[in-house]
Amino acid sequence: MAKGHQTFAILFHLNKQRSKNEKPAIYMRITVDCKRQEIATPHHVEALLWDPKAQCVKGKTEAAKTVNQQLTIMKADLYRHYSIFLSLGNPITAELLKNAYVGLGEKQKTLCELFDIHNLRFEEKVIAGNKSPASLKRIKITKDKVKAFMHHNYHLSDKQLCELNLLLFQILSIF
């Protein structure tokens, strides 16, 4: 499909083939441009208590409220992953979204890990006599200041590099 006309949908449904104690499992279906992926939720519910139109558990019991709340959280988390892909300009497929949601794929480096790698390489150059020890000290101070800034303003100890564009955008929007 043409860029800008991408379809994205999330659907919860019962999978009667995956039952536990006669209760079908609730599955989350992700659809992007007519391609589907499914994720099993940890929830099972009686078929009579499932509302397929509203995609939630019927009733006002504490168990129904808890399951519905967790399904809403799962949906919101998937929308968050979708928004991150969109904002970074990455291609979006149902499989990529599923992998991001369940945490598969290559491990993303964090900002502090990047600082540590840089500082280790810089330290090797200091030992070799190619760089100044004072510069290394300043770089380490910079890392500490960036960590303090993220902790003070965003209550984060670290941030993955793939999410850094969003953080920088938020920082720049303050000014």
N, C-alpha and C. Protein backbone atom coordinates (compact mmCIF):
# COMPACT_ATOMS: atom_id res chain seq x y z
N MET A 1 0.84 -1.19 0.00
CA MET A 1 0.00 0.00 0.00
C MET A 1 0.87 1.24 0.00
N ALA A 2 0.31 2.33 -0.42
CA ALA A 2 1.03 3.59 -0.46
C ALA A 2 1.27 4.10 0.95
N LYS A 3 2.39 4.78 1.12
CA LYS A 3 2.72 5.33 2.43
C LYS A 3 1.65 6.33 2.85
N GLY A 4 1.25 6.27 4.10
CA GLY A 4 0.22 7.17 4.59
C GLY A 4 -1.16 6.54 4.55
N HIS A 5 -1.30 5.41 3.86
CA HIS A 5 -2.59 4.73 3.77
C HIS A 5 -2.52 3.36 4.43
N GLN A 6 -1.68 3.24 5.42
CA GLN A 6 -1.48 1.97 6.08
C GLN A 6 -2.63 1.68 7.04
N THR A 7 -3.12 0.46 7.03
CA THR A 7 -4.18 0.08 7.95
C THR A 7 -3.57 -0.65 9.13
N PHE A 8 -4.13 -0.40 10.29
CA PHE A 8 -3.65 -1.02 11.52
C PHE A 8 -4.85 -1.30 12.40
N ALA A 9 -4.95 -2.53 12.90
CA ALA A 9 -6.08 -2.87 13.77
C ALA A 9 -5.65 -3.90 14.80
N ILE A 10 -6.33 -3.85 15.93
CA ILE A 10 -6.11 -4.81 17.01
C ILE A 10 -7.46 -5.41 17.36
N LEU A 11 -7.52 -6.73 17.44
CA LEU A 11 -8.77 -7.42 17.73
C LEU A 11 -8.52 -8.48 18.79
N PHE A 12 -9.39 -8.56 19.77
CA PHE A 12 -9.34 -9.64 20.75
C PHE A 12 -10.43 -10.63 20.41
N HIS A 13 -10.12 -11.91 20.46
CA HIS A 13 -11.10 -12.95 20.15
C HIS A 13 -10.78 -14.20 20.95
N LEU A 14 -11.77 -15.10 21.02
CA LEU A 14 -11.58 -16.37 21.71
C LEU A 14 -11.07 -17.42 20.74
N ASN A 15 -10.13 -18.22 21.20
CA ASN A 15 -9.63 -19.34 20.41
C ASN A 15 -10.07 -20.60 21.14
N LYS A 16 -11.13 -21.21 20.66
CA LYS A 16 -11.72 -22.37 21.34
C LYS A 16 -10.85 -23.61 21.24
N GLN A 17 -9.89 -23.61 20.31
CA GLN A 17 -8.99 -24.75 20.19
C GLN A 17 -7.93 -24.74 21.29
N ARG A 18 -7.74 -23.61 21.91
CA ARG A 18 -6.77 -23.47 23.00
C ARG A 18 -7.55 -23.23 24.29
N SER A 19 -8.05 -24.29 24.87
CA SER A 19 -8.88 -24.17 26.07
C SER A 19 -8.14 -24.71 27.29
N LYS A 20 -8.51 -24.15 28.43
CA LYS A 20 -7.99 -24.62 29.71
C LYS A 20 -9.19 -24.69 30.64
N ASN A 21 -9.47 -25.88 31.15
CA ASN A 21 -10.63 -26.09 32.02
C ASN A 21 -11.94 -25.68 31.33
N GLU A 22 -12.07 -26.06 30.05
CA GLU A 22 -13.26 -25.75 29.27
C GLU A 22 -13.44 -24.25 28.99
N LYS A 23 -12.41 -23.46 29.24
CA LYS A 23 -12.47 -22.02 28.98
C LYS A 23 -11.53 -21.69 27.83
N PRO A 24 -12.06 -21.11 26.75
CA PRO A 24 -11.20 -20.75 25.60
C PRO A 24 -10.22 -19.64 25.96
N ALA A 25 -9.10 -19.65 25.27
CA ALA A 25 -8.07 -18.62 25.48
C ALA A 25 -8.46 -17.35 24.73
N ILE A 26 -8.05 -16.20 25.29
CA ILE A 26 -8.24 -14.93 24.61
C ILE A 26 -6.98 -14.64 23.82
N TYR A 27 -7.15 -14.36 22.54
CA TYR A 27 -6.03 -14.05 21.66
C TYR A 27 -6.14 -12.60 21.18
N MET A 28 -4.99 -11.99 20.94
CA MET A 28 -4.95 -10.65 20.38
C MET A 28 -4.44 -10.78 18.94
N ARG A 29 -5.22 -10.28 17.99
CA ARG A 29 -4.83 -10.33 16.58
C ARG A 29 -4.40 -8.92 16.14
N ILE A 30 -3.20 -8.86 15.56
CA ILE A 30 -2.66 -7.61 15.02
C ILE A 30 -2.78 -7.69 13.51
N THR A 31 -3.36 -6.66 12.90
CA THR A 31 -3.47 -6.62 11.44
C THR A 31 -2.84 -5.34 10.94
N VAL A 32 -1.87 -5.48 10.04
CA VAL A 32 -1.24 -4.33 9.38
C VAL A 32 -1.27 -4.62 7.89
N ASP A 33 -1.95 -3.76 7.15
CA ASP A 33 -2.08 -3.92 5.69
C ASP A 33 -2.52 -5.33 5.31
N CYS A 34 -3.55 -5.82 5.96
CA CYS A 34 -4.17 -7.11 5.68
C CYS A 34 -3.30 -8.32 6.04
N LYS A 35 -2.19 -8.11 6.69
CA LYS A 35 -1.34 -9.20 7.17
C LYS A 35 -1.58 -9.35 8.66
N ARG A 36 -1.77 -10.58 9.11
CA ARG A 36 -2.15 -10.84 10.50
C ARG A 36 -1.07 -11.57 11.29
N GLN A 37 -1.05 -11.27 12.57
CA GLN A 37 -0.24 -12.01 13.53
C GLN A 37 -1.08 -12.14 14.79
N GLU A 38 -0.92 -13.25 15.49
CA GLU A 38 -1.69 -13.44 16.71
C GLU A 38 -0.77 -13.65 17.90
N ILE A 39 -1.23 -13.14 19.03
CA ILE A 39 -0.50 -13.28 20.29
C ILE A 39 -1.47 -13.85 21.30
N ALA A 40 -1.08 -14.90 21.98
CA ALA A 40 -1.91 -15.49 23.02
C ALA A 40 -1.79 -14.63 24.28
N THR A 41 -2.92 -14.28 24.86
CA THR A 41 -2.90 -13.60 26.15
C THR A 41 -2.90 -14.68 27.22
N PRO A 42 -2.56 -14.35 28.44
CA PRO A 42 -2.57 -15.38 29.50
C PRO A 42 -3.96 -15.66 30.06
N HIS A 43 -5.00 -15.11 29.43
CA HIS A 43 -6.35 -15.19 29.99
C HIS A 43 -7.22 -16.21 29.28
N HIS A 44 -8.04 -16.88 30.08
CA HIS A 44 -9.05 -17.80 29.59
C HIS A 44 -10.37 -17.37 30.21
N VAL A 45 -11.45 -17.47 29.44
CA VAL A 45 -12.74 -17.02 29.93
C VAL A 45 -13.83 -17.93 29.38
N GLU A 46 -14.91 -18.09 30.12
CA GLU A 46 -16.03 -18.87 29.62
C GLU A 46 -16.60 -18.19 28.38
N ALA A 47 -16.93 -18.98 27.39
CA ALA A 47 -17.42 -18.45 26.12
C ALA A 47 -18.68 -17.61 26.30
N LEU A 48 -19.53 -17.96 27.25
CA LEU A 48 -20.76 -17.20 27.48
C LEU A 48 -20.49 -15.81 28.05
N LEU A 49 -19.35 -15.64 28.70
CA LEU A 49 -19.02 -14.35 29.31
C LEU A 49 -18.27 -13.42 28.36
N TRP A 50 -17.97 -13.89 27.16
CA TRP A 50 -17.21 -13.09 26.20
C TRP A 50 -18.16 -12.31 25.30
N ASP A 51 -17.90 -11.02 25.17
CA ASP A 51 -18.68 -10.16 24.27
C ASP A 51 -17.83 -9.91 23.02
N PRO A 52 -18.13 -10.61 21.91
CA PRO A 52 -17.27 -10.47 20.72
C PRO A 52 -17.35 -9.08 20.08
N LYS A 53 -18.48 -8.42 20.22
CA LYS A 53 -18.62 -7.10 19.61
C LYS A 53 -17.78 -6.07 20.36
N ALA A 54 -17.83 -6.10 21.69
CA ALA A 54 -17.06 -5.16 22.50
C ALA A 54 -15.64 -5.66 22.74
N GLN A 55 -15.37 -6.93 22.43
CA GLN A 55 -14.06 -7.55 22.62
C GLN A 55 -13.61 -7.48 24.07
N CYS A 56 -14.52 -7.83 24.98
CA CYS A 56 -14.19 -7.82 26.40
C CYS A 56 -15.06 -8.84 27.13
N VAL A 57 -14.75 -9.02 28.39
CA VAL A 57 -15.50 -9.94 29.23
C VAL A 57 -16.73 -9.22 29.76
N LYS A 58 -17.89 -9.89 29.68
CA LYS A 58 -19.13 -9.31 30.21
C LYS A 58 -19.12 -9.42 31.73
N GLY A 59 -19.83 -8.52 32.36
CA GLY A 59 -20.02 -8.62 33.80
C GLY A 59 -19.27 -7.56 34.57
N LYS A 60 -19.64 -7.47 35.82
CA LYS A 60 -19.03 -6.46 36.69
C LYS A 60 -18.26 -7.10 37.84
N THR A 61 -17.94 -8.39 37.68
CA THR A 61 -17.17 -9.05 38.72
C THR A 61 -15.74 -8.53 38.73
N GLU A 62 -15.06 -8.75 39.82
CA GLU A 62 -13.68 -8.29 39.94
C GLU A 62 -12.80 -8.98 38.90
N ALA A 63 -13.05 -10.26 38.64
CA ALA A 63 -12.27 -11.01 37.65
C ALA A 63 -12.47 -10.43 36.26
N ALA A 64 -13.72 -10.10 35.90
CA ALA A 64 -14.01 -9.53 34.58
C ALA A 64 -13.34 -8.16 34.44
N LYS A 65 -13.40 -7.35 35.47
CA LYS A 65 -12.77 -6.03 35.43
C LYS A 65 -11.27 -6.14 35.27
N THR A 66 -10.67 -7.09 35.98
CA THR A 66 -9.22 -7.28 35.91
C THR A 66 -8.79 -7.71 34.51
N VAL A 67 -9.50 -8.69 33.94
CA VAL A 67 -9.14 -9.17 32.59
C VAL A 67 -9.31 -8.04 31.58
N ASN A 68 -10.42 -7.31 31.66
CA ASN A 68 -10.66 -6.20 30.72
C ASN A 68 -9.60 -5.12 30.85
N GLN A 69 -9.20 -4.84 32.07
CA GLN A 69 -8.17 -3.83 32.29
C GLN A 69 -6.84 -4.29 31.69
N GLN A 70 -6.50 -5.55 31.87
CA GLN A 70 -5.25 -6.06 31.32
C GLN A 70 -5.28 -6.09 29.79
N LEU A 71 -6.43 -6.38 29.20
CA LEU A 71 -6.55 -6.34 27.74
C LEU A 71 -6.37 -4.91 27.23
N THR A 72 -6.92 -3.95 27.96
CA THR A 72 -6.75 -2.53 27.59
C THR A 72 -5.29 -2.13 27.66
N ILE A 73 -4.59 -2.58 28.68
CA ILE A 73 -3.16 -2.27 28.83
C ILE A 73 -2.37 -2.89 27.68
N MET A 74 -2.71 -4.13 27.32
CA MET A 74 -2.01 -4.79 26.21
C MET A 74 -2.22 -4.01 24.92
N LYS A 75 -3.45 -3.56 24.69
CA LYS A 75 -3.77 -2.81 23.47
C LYS A 75 -3.00 -1.49 23.45
N ALA A 76 -2.96 -0.81 24.59
CA ALA A 76 -2.25 0.47 24.68
C ALA A 76 -0.75 0.27 24.44
N ASP A 77 -0.21 -0.82 24.97
CA ASP A 77 1.22 -1.09 24.78
C ASP A 77 1.52 -1.35 23.31
N LEU A 78 0.64 -2.05 22.64
CA LEU A 78 0.84 -2.32 21.22
C LEU A 78 0.74 -1.02 20.41
N TYR A 79 -0.19 -0.14 20.77
CA TYR A 79 -0.28 1.17 20.10
C TYR A 79 0.98 1.99 20.35
N ARG A 80 1.56 1.85 21.54
CA ARG A 80 2.82 2.56 21.84
C ARG A 80 3.93 2.08 20.91
N HIS A 81 4.04 0.77 20.72
CA HIS A 81 5.05 0.23 19.80
C HIS A 81 4.79 0.72 18.37
N TYR A 82 3.53 0.75 17.97
CA TYR A 82 3.18 1.23 16.64
C TYR A 82 3.60 2.69 16.48
N SER A 83 3.34 3.51 17.51
CA SER A 83 3.70 4.93 17.47
C SER A 83 5.21 5.12 17.38
N ILE A 84 5.95 4.29 18.08
CA ILE A 84 7.41 4.39 18.04
C ILE A 84 7.92 4.07 16.63
N PHE A 85 7.38 3.00 16.03
CA PHE A 85 7.77 2.67 14.65
C PHE A 85 7.44 3.82 13.71
N LEU A 86 6.26 4.40 13.86
CA LEU A 86 5.85 5.51 13.01
C LEU A 86 6.77 6.71 13.17
N SER A 87 7.05 7.07 14.43
CA SER A 87 7.85 8.27 14.68
C SER A 87 9.29 8.12 14.21
N LEU A 88 9.80 6.90 14.23
CA LEU A 88 11.17 6.66 13.78
C LEU A 88 11.24 6.46 12.26
N GLY A 89 10.08 6.37 11.63
CA GLY A 89 10.06 6.18 10.18
C GLY A 89 10.41 4.76 9.77
N ASN A 90 10.34 3.83 10.71
CA ASN A 90 10.66 2.44 10.39
C ASN A 90 9.49 1.79 9.67
N PRO A 91 9.78 0.79 8.82
CA PRO A 91 8.68 0.07 8.18
C PRO A 91 7.89 -0.68 9.24
N ILE A 92 6.59 -0.79 9.03
CA ILE A 92 5.73 -1.43 10.02
C ILE A 92 5.04 -2.62 9.38
N THR A 93 5.23 -3.78 10.01
CA THR A 93 4.51 -4.98 9.61
C THR A 93 3.92 -5.60 10.87
N ALA A 94 2.96 -6.47 10.68
CA ALA A 94 2.34 -7.15 11.81
C ALA A 94 3.38 -7.99 12.57
N GLU A 95 4.28 -8.61 11.83
CA GLU A 95 5.30 -9.44 12.46
C GLU A 95 6.28 -8.59 13.28
N LEU A 96 6.69 -7.45 12.74
CA LEU A 96 7.59 -6.57 13.48
C LEU A 96 6.94 -6.06 14.76
N LEU A 97 5.66 -5.71 14.68
CA LEU A 97 4.94 -5.25 15.87
C LEU A 97 4.84 -6.35 16.91
N LYS A 98 4.53 -7.55 16.45
CA LYS A 98 4.43 -8.68 17.38
C LYS A 98 5.78 -8.92 18.06
N ASN A 99 6.84 -8.92 17.29
CA ASN A 99 8.18 -9.13 17.85
C ASN A 99 8.56 -8.04 18.85
N ALA A 100 8.22 -6.80 18.52
CA ALA A 100 8.52 -5.70 19.43
C ALA A 100 7.71 -5.84 20.71
N TYR A 101 6.46 -6.26 20.57
CA TYR A 101 5.58 -6.39 21.74
C TYR A 101 6.07 -7.50 22.67
N VAL A 102 6.43 -8.64 22.10
CA VAL A 102 6.87 -9.76 22.94
C VAL A 102 8.35 -9.68 23.31
N GLY A 103 9.06 -8.71 22.73
CA GLY A 103 10.46 -8.49 23.12
C GLY A 103 11.46 -9.30 22.32
N LEU A 104 11.06 -9.77 21.16
CA LEU A 104 12.00 -10.51 20.31
C LEU A 104 12.80 -9.55 19.45
N GLY A 105 13.81 -10.06 18.84
CA GLY A 105 14.64 -9.23 17.96
C GLY A 105 15.96 -8.95 18.63
N GLU A 106 16.76 -8.17 17.96
CA GLU A 106 18.07 -7.87 18.51
C GLU A 106 17.93 -6.95 19.71
N LYS A 107 18.80 -7.15 20.66
CA LYS A 107 18.77 -6.32 21.86
C LYS A 107 19.27 -4.92 21.49
N GLN A 108 18.46 -3.95 21.82
CA GLN A 108 18.83 -2.57 21.53
C GLN A 108 19.77 -2.05 22.61
N LYS A 109 20.75 -1.31 22.20
CA LYS A 109 21.67 -0.71 23.15
C LYS A 109 21.01 0.51 23.78
N THR A 110 21.47 0.82 24.98
CA THR A 110 20.94 1.98 25.68
C THR A 110 21.95 3.12 25.59
N LEU A 111 21.51 4.31 25.98
CA LEU A 111 22.37 5.48 25.94
C LEU A 111 23.58 5.30 26.85
N CYS A 112 23.36 4.76 28.04
CA CYS A 112 24.48 4.56 28.97
C CYS A 112 25.46 3.50 28.46
N GLU A 113 24.93 2.45 27.80
CA GLU A 113 25.82 1.45 27.20
C GLU A 113 26.67 2.07 26.11
N LEU A 114 26.08 2.98 25.34
CA LEU A 114 26.83 3.67 24.29
C LEU A 114 27.94 4.53 24.89
N PHE A 115 27.62 5.25 25.97
CA PHE A 115 28.64 6.03 26.67
C PHE A 115 29.76 5.12 27.15
N ASP A 116 29.39 3.96 27.74
CA ASP A 116 30.41 3.04 28.28
C ASP A 116 31.33 2.51 27.18
N ILE A 117 30.76 2.16 26.04
CA ILE A 117 31.56 1.66 24.91
C ILE A 117 32.51 2.76 24.43
N HIS A 118 31.97 3.97 24.28
CA HIS A 118 32.80 5.10 23.84
C HIS A 118 33.92 5.37 24.84
N ASN A 119 33.56 5.39 26.13
CA ASN A 119 34.55 5.69 27.16
C ASN A 119 35.64 4.62 27.23
N LEU A 120 35.27 3.37 27.03
CA LEU A 120 36.26 2.29 27.04
C LEU A 120 37.24 2.45 25.89
N ARG A 121 36.74 2.76 24.71
CA ARG A 121 37.62 2.98 23.55
C ARG A 121 38.49 4.22 23.75
N PHE A 122 37.91 5.26 24.34
CA PHE A 122 38.66 6.49 24.59
C PHE A 122 39.76 6.23 25.62
N GLU A 123 39.44 5.42 26.62
CA GLU A 123 40.42 5.08 27.66
C GLU A 123 41.61 4.32 27.07
N GLU A 124 41.34 3.45 26.11
CA GLU A 124 42.41 2.73 25.43
C GLU A 124 43.33 3.72 24.70
N LYS A 125 42.75 4.76 24.12
CA LYS A 125 43.55 5.77 23.43
C LYS A 125 44.36 6.60 24.42
N VAL A 126 43.80 6.81 25.62
CA VAL A 126 44.54 7.54 26.66
C VAL A 126 45.74 6.72 27.10
N ILE A 127 45.54 5.42 27.28
CA ILE A 127 46.63 4.53 27.69
C ILE A 127 47.72 4.48 26.62
N ALA A 128 47.30 4.51 25.37
CA ALA A 128 48.26 4.50 24.26
C ALA A 128 48.96 5.85 24.09
N GLY A 129 48.46 6.87 24.78
CA GLY A 129 49.08 8.19 24.71
C GLY A 129 48.55 9.06 23.58
N ASN A 130 47.45 8.65 22.94
CA ASN A 130 46.89 9.42 21.83
C ASN A 130 45.86 10.46 22.28
N LYS A 131 45.32 10.30 23.47
CA LYS A 131 44.31 11.22 23.99
C LYS A 131 44.68 11.65 25.40
N SER A 132 44.11 12.76 25.82
CA SER A 132 44.42 13.34 27.13
C SER A 132 43.55 12.72 28.23
N PRO A 133 44.14 12.44 29.40
CA PRO A 133 43.35 11.94 30.54
C PRO A 133 42.29 12.95 30.99
N ALA A 134 42.57 14.24 30.83
CA ALA A 134 41.59 15.26 31.21
C ALA A 134 40.34 15.18 30.33
N SER A 135 40.53 14.85 29.06
CA SER A 135 39.38 14.70 28.16
C SER A 135 38.51 13.51 28.58
N LEU A 136 39.16 12.43 28.98
CA LEU A 136 38.43 11.26 29.45
C LEU A 136 37.61 11.62 30.69
N LYS A 137 38.20 12.38 31.58
CA LYS A 137 37.50 12.80 32.79
C LYS A 137 36.26 13.62 32.41
N ARG A 138 36.38 14.52 31.47
CA ARG A 138 35.26 15.36 31.02
C ARG A 138 34.15 14.52 30.39
N ILE A 139 34.54 13.50 29.62
CA ILE A 139 33.55 12.63 28.98
C ILE A 139 32.77 11.86 30.04
N LYS A 140 33.47 11.39 31.07
CA LYS A 140 32.78 10.67 32.16
C LYS A 140 31.84 11.60 32.92
N ILE A 141 32.22 12.83 33.09
CA ILE A 141 31.35 13.82 33.75
C ILE A 141 30.11 14.07 32.90
N THR A 142 30.30 14.13 31.58
CA THR A 142 29.17 14.34 30.67
C THR A 142 28.16 13.21 30.81
N LYS A 143 28.64 11.97 30.88
CA LYS A 143 27.74 10.83 31.05
C LYS A 143 26.94 10.99 32.33
N ASP A 144 27.61 11.34 33.42
CA ASP A 144 26.92 11.51 34.70
C ASP A 144 25.86 12.62 34.62
N LYS A 145 26.18 13.69 33.92
CA LYS A 145 25.23 14.80 33.80
C LYS A 145 24.02 14.41 32.95
N VAL A 146 24.24 13.65 31.89
CA VAL A 146 23.13 13.19 31.05
C VAL A 146 22.23 12.25 31.86
N LYS A 147 22.82 11.35 32.63
CA LYS A 147 22.04 10.45 33.48
C LYS A 147 21.24 11.24 34.51
N ALA A 148 21.86 12.23 35.13
CA ALA A 148 21.17 13.05 36.13
C ALA A 148 20.02 13.82 35.50
N PHE A 149 20.23 14.33 34.30
CA PHE A 149 19.18 15.06 33.58
C PHE A 149 17.99 14.15 33.29
N MET A 150 18.27 12.95 32.76
CA MET A 150 17.19 12.02 32.44
C MET A 150 16.44 11.61 33.70
N HIS A 151 17.18 11.40 34.79
CA HIS A 151 16.54 10.99 36.04
C HIS A 151 15.68 12.12 36.61
N HIS A 152 16.20 13.34 36.59
CA HIS A 152 15.49 14.47 37.18
C HIS A 152 14.25 14.86 36.36
N ASN A 153 14.39 14.94 35.05
CA ASN A 153 13.29 15.41 34.21
C ASN A 153 12.32 14.32 33.76
N TYR A 154 12.81 13.09 33.60
CA TYR A 154 11.97 12.04 33.03
C TYR A 154 11.86 10.81 33.92
N HIS A 155 12.52 10.82 35.06
CA HIS A 155 12.48 9.70 36.01
C HIS A 155 12.93 8.40 35.34
N LEU A 156 13.96 8.52 34.50
CA LEU A 156 14.53 7.38 33.79
C LEU A 156 15.99 7.24 34.18
N SER A 157 16.44 6.01 34.34
CA SER A 157 17.86 5.80 34.61
C SER A 157 18.63 5.59 33.31
N ASP A 158 17.91 5.15 32.26
CA ASP A 158 18.54 4.89 30.98
C ASP A 158 17.46 4.85 29.92
N LYS A 159 17.85 4.90 28.66
CA LYS A 159 16.89 4.91 27.55
C LYS A 159 17.48 4.15 26.38
N GLN A 160 16.67 3.32 25.72
CA GLN A 160 17.15 2.62 24.54
C GLN A 160 17.36 3.61 23.41
N LEU A 161 18.38 3.33 22.60
CA LEU A 161 18.72 4.25 21.51
C LEU A 161 17.58 4.38 20.50
N CYS A 162 16.83 3.30 20.28
CA CYS A 162 15.74 3.37 19.31
C CYS A 162 14.63 4.31 19.78
N GLU A 163 14.55 4.56 21.08
CA GLU A 163 13.53 5.46 21.63
C GLU A 163 14.09 6.84 21.89
N LEU A 164 15.35 7.04 21.60
CA LEU A 164 16.01 8.30 21.92
C LEU A 164 15.47 9.47 21.12
N ASN A 165 15.08 9.25 19.86
CA ASN A 165 14.52 10.33 19.06
C ASN A 165 13.29 10.93 19.71
N LEU A 166 12.45 10.08 20.31
CA LEU A 166 11.26 10.58 20.99
C LEU A 166 11.65 11.43 22.19
N LEU A 167 12.65 10.98 22.95
CA LEU A 167 13.09 11.72 24.12
C LEU A 167 13.68 13.06 23.70
N LEU A 168 14.51 13.06 22.65
CA LEU A 168 15.09 14.31 22.17
C LEU A 168 14.02 15.27 21.68
N PHE A 169 13.00 14.72 21.01
CA PHE A 169 11.90 15.56 20.55
C PHE A 169 11.19 16.22 21.73
N GLN A 170 10.98 15.43 22.80
CA GLN A 170 10.34 15.98 23.99
C GLN A 170 11.21 17.04 24.64
N ILE A 171 12.51 16.81 24.69
CA ILE A 171 13.42 17.78 25.29
C ILE A 171 13.41 19.07 24.48
N LEU A 172 13.49 18.95 23.15
CA LEU A 172 13.51 20.13 22.30
C LEU A 172 12.20 20.90 22.33
N SER A 173 11.09 20.19 22.57
CA SER A 173 9.81 20.88 22.61
C SER A 173 9.66 21.73 23.86
N ILE A 174 10.49 21.48 24.87
CA ILE A 174 10.47 22.29 26.08
C ILE A 174 10.98 23.69 25.77
N PHE A 175 11.99 23.77 24.89
CA PHE A 175 12.62 25.05 24.61
C PHE A 175 11.86 25.80 23.60
